[in-house]
Amino acid sequence: MADKFVRVVARGVVRRNGTDRDPALSENGTELLVARERDAGGEPFYCPLGGGVEFGEHSADALRREFEEELGVSLADATYRETYESVFTHDGGRHHELWRTYDVVVAASWPYERDAFPAYEPELDEQMRCEWKPVDAFVDGNETLYPAALLDGL
């Protein structure tokens, strides 16, 4: 069944310099904190953390709420980055989303210290896996990041 509306989501681009931990990483060395998901065929893809904007809620406030709900952390900084639009098919339905993206810094240190950890998605009542992935893995096409245009300028 197709959605009959445009869904607005807020996503946070969280970075760490991976070369501080692993000198074998590329010259770029930047890693992104992403949620691992799977498409209908079971293939993994990744996207920045965040979620839906509720009616009457500013996207920056939604982003802060989502990080609190999913990880139990607050944001030290959230700077607007760009808006992306996508119409796509997922699980047999056609969807239309606007992604408001922000460059963010998490106030807590523990997410930067772990390579992977679970997060909780209350809307779906399920856990999701968060992990740090090198930007180069997405640029080289070894992994899939949504939205792909997010890689411009990283």
C-alpha atoms as a PDB file:
ATOM      1  CA  MET A   1       0.000   0.000   0.000  1.00  0.00           C
ATOM      2  CA  ALA A   2       1.318   3.423  -0.897  1.00  0.00           C
ATOM      3  CA  ASP A   3       1.586   6.306   1.566  1.00  0.00           C
ATOM      4  CA  LYS A   4      -0.680   9.223   0.736  1.00  0.00           C
ATOM      5  CA  PHE A   5       1.480  11.904   2.335  1.00  0.00           C
ATOM      6  CA  VAL A   6       4.994  13.288   2.455  1.00  0.00           C
ATOM      7  CA  ARG A   7       6.861  12.152   5.563  1.00  0.00           C
ATOM      8  CA  VAL A   8       9.331  14.642   7.049  1.00  0.00           C
ATOM      9  CA  VAL A   9      12.284  13.209   8.945  1.00  0.00           C
ATOM     10  CA  ALA A  10      15.219  14.779  10.789  1.00  0.00           C
ATOM     11  CA  ARG A  11      18.600  13.020  10.555  1.00  0.00           C
ATOM     12  CA  GLY A  12      21.843  13.748  12.366  1.00  0.00           C
ATOM     13  CA  VAL A  13      25.251  13.387  10.720  1.00  0.00           C
ATOM     14  CA  VAL A  14      27.608  12.374  13.534  1.00  0.00           C
ATOM     15  CA  ARG A  15      31.315  12.057  12.682  1.00  0.00           C
ATOM     16  CA  ARG A  16      34.473  10.808  14.316  1.00  0.00           C
ATOM     17  CA  ASN A  17      38.034  10.699  13.037  1.00  0.00           C
ATOM     18  CA  GLY A  18      38.733   6.989  12.633  1.00  0.00           C
ATOM     19  CA  THR A  19      42.438   7.437  11.920  1.00  0.00           C
ATOM     20  CA  ASP A  20      42.928   8.229  15.606  1.00  0.00           C
ATOM     21  CA  ARG A  21      41.903   4.617  16.323  1.00  0.00           C
ATOM     22  CA  ASP A  22      43.025   2.803  13.176  1.00  0.00           C
ATOM     23  CA  PRO A  23      45.911   4.230  11.121  1.00  0.00           C
ATOM     24  CA  ALA A  24      45.096   1.727   8.342  1.00  0.00           C
ATOM     25  CA  LEU A  25      41.977   3.716   7.494  1.00  0.00           C
ATOM     26  CA  SER A  26      42.074   5.853   4.389  1.00  0.00           C
ATOM     27  CA  GLU A  27      43.472   9.314   4.041  1.00  0.00           C
ATOM     28  CA  ASN A  28      39.989  10.723   4.711  1.00  0.00           C
ATOM     29  CA  GLY A  29      39.662   8.706   7.925  1.00  0.00           C
ATOM     30  CA  THR A  30      36.228  10.090   8.741  1.00  0.00           C
ATOM     31  CA  GLU A  31      33.585   7.710  10.034  1.00  0.00           C
ATOM     32  CA  LEU A  32      29.825   8.268  10.235  1.00  0.00           C
ATOM     33  CA  LEU A  33      27.503   6.984  12.944  1.00  0.00           C
ATOM     34  CA  VAL A  34      24.747   5.163  11.063  1.00  0.00           C
ATOM     35  CA  ALA A  35      21.848   2.809  11.687  1.00  0.00           C
ATOM     36  CA  ARG A  36      22.020  -0.510   9.850  1.00  0.00           C
ATOM     37  CA  GLU A  37      18.815  -1.542   8.138  1.00  0.00           C
ATOM     38  CA  ARG A  38      17.828  -4.108   5.491  1.00  0.00           C
ATOM     39  CA  ASP A  39      15.870  -3.741   2.281  1.00  0.00           C
ATOM     40  CA  ALA A  40      13.111  -6.125   1.182  1.00  0.00           C
ATOM     41  CA  GLY A  41      15.740  -8.418  -0.386  1.00  0.00           C
ATOM     42  CA  GLY A  42      17.718  -8.593   2.858  1.00  0.00           C
ATOM     43  CA  GLU A  43      20.581  -6.397   1.625  1.00  0.00           C
ATOM     44  CA  PRO A  44      21.973  -4.038   4.270  1.00  0.00           C
ATOM     45  CA  PHE A  45      21.911  -0.273   3.875  1.00  0.00           C
ATOM     46  CA  TYR A  46      22.730   2.544   6.258  1.00  0.00           C
ATOM     47  CA  CYS A  47      21.279   5.914   7.187  1.00  0.00           C
ATOM     48  CA  PRO A  48      22.023   8.614   9.748  1.00  0.00           C
ATOM     49  CA  LEU A  49      20.158   8.397  13.039  1.00  0.00           C
ATOM     50  CA  GLY A  50      16.957  10.320  13.560  1.00  0.00           C
ATOM     51  CA  GLY A  51      13.301   9.939  12.769  1.00  0.00           C
ATOM     52  CA  GLY A  52       9.952  11.475  12.004  1.00  0.00           C
ATOM     53  CA  VAL A  53       9.024  15.076  12.659  1.00  0.00           C
ATOM     54  CA  GLU A  54       5.695  15.359  14.465  1.00  0.00           C
ATOM     55  CA  PHE A  55       3.080  17.924  13.433  1.00  0.00           C
ATOM     56  CA  GLY A  56       3.966  21.319  14.922  1.00  0.00           C
ATOM     57  CA  GLU A  57       7.500  20.229  15.855  1.00  0.00           C
ATOM     58  CA  HIS A  58      10.570  21.931  14.380  1.00  0.00           C
ATOM     59  CA  SER A  59      12.944  19.449  12.723  1.00  0.00           C
ATOM     60  CA  ALA A  60      15.840  20.435  15.042  1.00  0.00           C
ATOM     61  CA  ASP A  61      13.641  19.663  18.058  1.00  0.00           C
ATOM     62  CA  ALA A  62      12.586  16.361  16.495  1.00  0.00           C
ATOM     63  CA  LEU A  63      16.235  15.459  15.988  1.00  0.00           C
ATOM     64  CA  ARG A  64      17.049  16.136  19.648  1.00  0.00           C
ATOM     65  CA  ARG A  65      13.990  14.110  20.734  1.00  0.00           C
ATOM     66  CA  GLU A  66      14.943  11.186  18.495  1.00  0.00           C
ATOM     67  CA  PHE A  67      18.518  10.997  19.843  1.00  0.00           C
ATOM     68  CA  GLU A  68      17.130  11.088  23.395  1.00  0.00           C
ATOM     69  CA  GLU A  69      14.548   8.369  22.650  1.00  0.00           C
ATOM     70  CA  GLU A  70      16.807   6.077  20.625  1.00  0.00           C
ATOM     71  CA  LEU A  71      20.150   6.456  22.430  1.00  0.00           C
ATOM     72  CA  GLY A  72      19.334   8.244  25.675  1.00  0.00           C
ATOM     73  CA  VAL A  73      21.768  11.058  24.801  1.00  0.00           C
ATOM     74  CA  SER A  74      21.480  14.789  24.300  1.00  0.00           C
ATOM     75  CA  LEU A  75      23.127  16.766  21.524  1.00  0.00           C
ATOM     76  CA  ALA A  76      25.852  19.305  22.276  1.00  0.00           C
ATOM     77  CA  ASP A  77      25.365  20.900  18.870  1.00  0.00           C
ATOM     78  CA  ALA A  78      23.039  20.593  15.865  1.00  0.00           C
ATOM     79  CA  THR A  79      23.738  22.724  12.794  1.00  0.00           C
ATOM     80  CA  TYR A  80      21.411  22.589   9.796  1.00  0.00           C
ATOM     81  CA  ARG A  81      23.087  20.961   6.802  1.00  0.00           C
ATOM     82  CA  GLU A  82      20.651  20.409   3.907  1.00  0.00           C
ATOM     83  CA  THR A  83      17.240  19.060   2.907  1.00  0.00           C
ATOM     84  CA  TYR A  84      16.901  16.030   0.624  1.00  0.00           C
ATOM     85  CA  GLU A  85      13.789  14.703  -1.084  1.00  0.00           C
ATOM     86  CA  SER A  86      13.167  11.138  -2.187  1.00  0.00           C
ATOM     87  CA  VAL A  87      10.319   9.185  -3.745  1.00  0.00           C
ATOM     88  CA  PHE A  88      11.007   5.469  -3.496  1.00  0.00           C
ATOM     89  CA  THR A  89       9.522   1.984  -3.204  1.00  0.00           C
ATOM     90  CA  HIS A  90      10.062  -0.014  -0.013  1.00  0.00           C
ATOM     91  CA  ASP A  91       8.290  -3.156   1.170  1.00  0.00           C
ATOM     92  CA  GLY A  92       5.986  -2.999  -1.836  1.00  0.00           C
ATOM     93  CA  GLY A  93       4.787   0.542  -1.169  1.00  0.00           C
ATOM     94  CA  ARG A  94       5.610   3.897  -2.683  1.00  0.00           C
ATOM     95  CA  HIS A  95       6.934   6.484  -0.218  1.00  0.00           C
ATOM     96  CA  HIS A  96       7.801  10.169  -0.347  1.00  0.00           C
ATOM     97  CA  GLU A  97      10.152  11.681   2.255  1.00  0.00           C
ATOM     98  CA  LEU A  98      11.863  14.988   2.978  1.00  0.00           C
ATOM     99  CA  TRP A  99      15.041  14.577   5.031  1.00  0.00           C
ATOM    100  CA  ARG A 100      16.160  17.579   7.075  1.00  0.00           C
ATOM    101  CA  THR A 101      19.806  16.826   7.894  1.00  0.00           C
ATOM    102  CA  TYR A 102      21.995  18.350  10.582  1.00  0.00           C
ATOM    103  CA  ASP A 103      25.666  18.072  11.500  1.00  0.00           C
ATOM    104  CA  VAL A 104      25.526  17.044  15.147  1.00  0.00           C
ATOM    105  CA  VAL A 105      27.805  16.448  18.105  1.00  0.00           C
ATOM    106  CA  VAL A 106      26.606  14.060  20.801  1.00  0.00           C
ATOM    107  CA  ALA A 107      27.142  15.402  24.330  1.00  0.00           C
ATOM    108  CA  ALA A 108      28.009  11.967  25.784  1.00  0.00           C
ATOM    109  CA  SER A 109      31.396  10.403  25.022  1.00  0.00           C
ATOM    110  CA  TRP A 110      30.342   6.733  25.047  1.00  0.00           C
ATOM    111  CA  PRO A 111      28.967   6.628  21.453  1.00  0.00           C
ATOM    112  CA  TYR A 112      32.367   7.816  20.161  1.00  0.00           C
ATOM    113  CA  GLU A 113      34.182   5.150  22.193  1.00  0.00           C
ATOM    114  CA  ARG A 114      32.237   2.133  20.888  1.00  0.00           C
ATOM    115  CA  ASP A 115      32.382   0.746  17.341  1.00  0.00           C
ATOM    116  CA  ALA A 116      28.798  -0.543  17.454  1.00  0.00           C
ATOM    117  CA  PHE A 117      25.897  -0.549  19.890  1.00  0.00           C
ATOM    118  CA  PRO A 118      22.127  -1.078  19.972  1.00  0.00           C
ATOM    119  CA  ALA A 119      19.556   1.706  19.940  1.00  0.00           C
ATOM    120  CA  TYR A 120      15.850   1.480  20.622  1.00  0.00           C
ATOM    121  CA  GLU A 121      13.200   2.598  18.132  1.00  0.00           C
ATOM    122  CA  PRO A 122      10.075   3.257  20.263  1.00  0.00           C
ATOM    123  CA  GLU A 123       7.790   3.865  17.268  1.00  0.00           C
ATOM    124  CA  LEU A 124       8.424   0.310  16.034  1.00  0.00           C
ATOM    125  CA  ASP A 125       9.153  -1.155  19.504  1.00  0.00           C
ATOM    126  CA  GLU A 126      12.380  -2.735  18.295  1.00  0.00           C
ATOM    127  CA  GLN A 127      16.113  -2.466  18.625  1.00  0.00           C
ATOM    128  CA  MET A 128      18.317  -1.310  15.794  1.00  0.00           C
ATOM    129  CA  ARG A 129      22.051  -1.583  15.334  1.00  0.00           C
ATOM    130  CA  CYS A 130      24.177   1.566  15.242  1.00  0.00           C
ATOM    131  CA  GLU A 131      27.751   1.444  14.024  1.00  0.00           C
ATOM    132  CA  TRP A 132      30.579   3.618  12.783  1.00  0.00           C
ATOM    133  CA  LYS A 133      31.316   3.186   9.078  1.00  0.00           C
ATOM    134  CA  PRO A 134      34.165   4.822   7.146  1.00  0.00           C
ATOM    135  CA  VAL A 135      32.946   7.438   4.673  1.00  0.00           C
ATOM    136  CA  ASP A 136      35.160   5.762   2.067  1.00  0.00           C
ATOM    137  CA  ALA A 137      33.076   2.556   2.262  1.00  0.00           C
ATOM    138  CA  PHE A 138      30.119   4.549   0.925  1.00  0.00           C
ATOM    139  CA  VAL A 139      32.136   6.607  -1.567  1.00  0.00           C
ATOM    140  CA  ASP A 140      33.738   3.440  -2.996  1.00  0.00           C
ATOM    141  CA  GLY A 141      30.316   1.791  -3.348  1.00  0.00           C
ATOM    142  CA  ASN A 142      31.083  -1.069  -0.955  1.00  0.00           C
ATOM    143  CA  GLU A 143      28.179  -0.003   1.295  1.00  0.00           C
ATOM    144  CA  THR A 144      24.917   1.867   0.614  1.00  0.00           C
ATOM    145  CA  LEU A 145      24.061   5.102   2.420  1.00  0.00           C
ATOM    146  CA  TYR A 146      20.733   6.927   2.181  1.00  0.00           C
ATOM    147  CA  PRO A 147      20.539   9.612   1.130  1.00  0.00           C
ATOM    148  CA  ALA A 148      23.566   9.105  -1.144  1.00  0.00           C
ATOM    149  CA  ALA A 149      23.754  12.869  -1.786  1.00  0.00           C
ATOM    150  CA  LEU A 150      24.772  13.219   1.859  1.00  0.00           C
ATOM    151  CA  LEU A 151      28.289  12.179   0.838  1.00  0.00           C
ATOM    152  CA  ASP A 152      28.780  15.395  -1.134  1.00  0.00           C
ATOM    153  CA  GLY A 153      31.085  17.596   0.854  1.00  0.00           C
ATOM    154  CA  LEU A 154      32.102  15.036   3.486  1.00  0.00           C
END
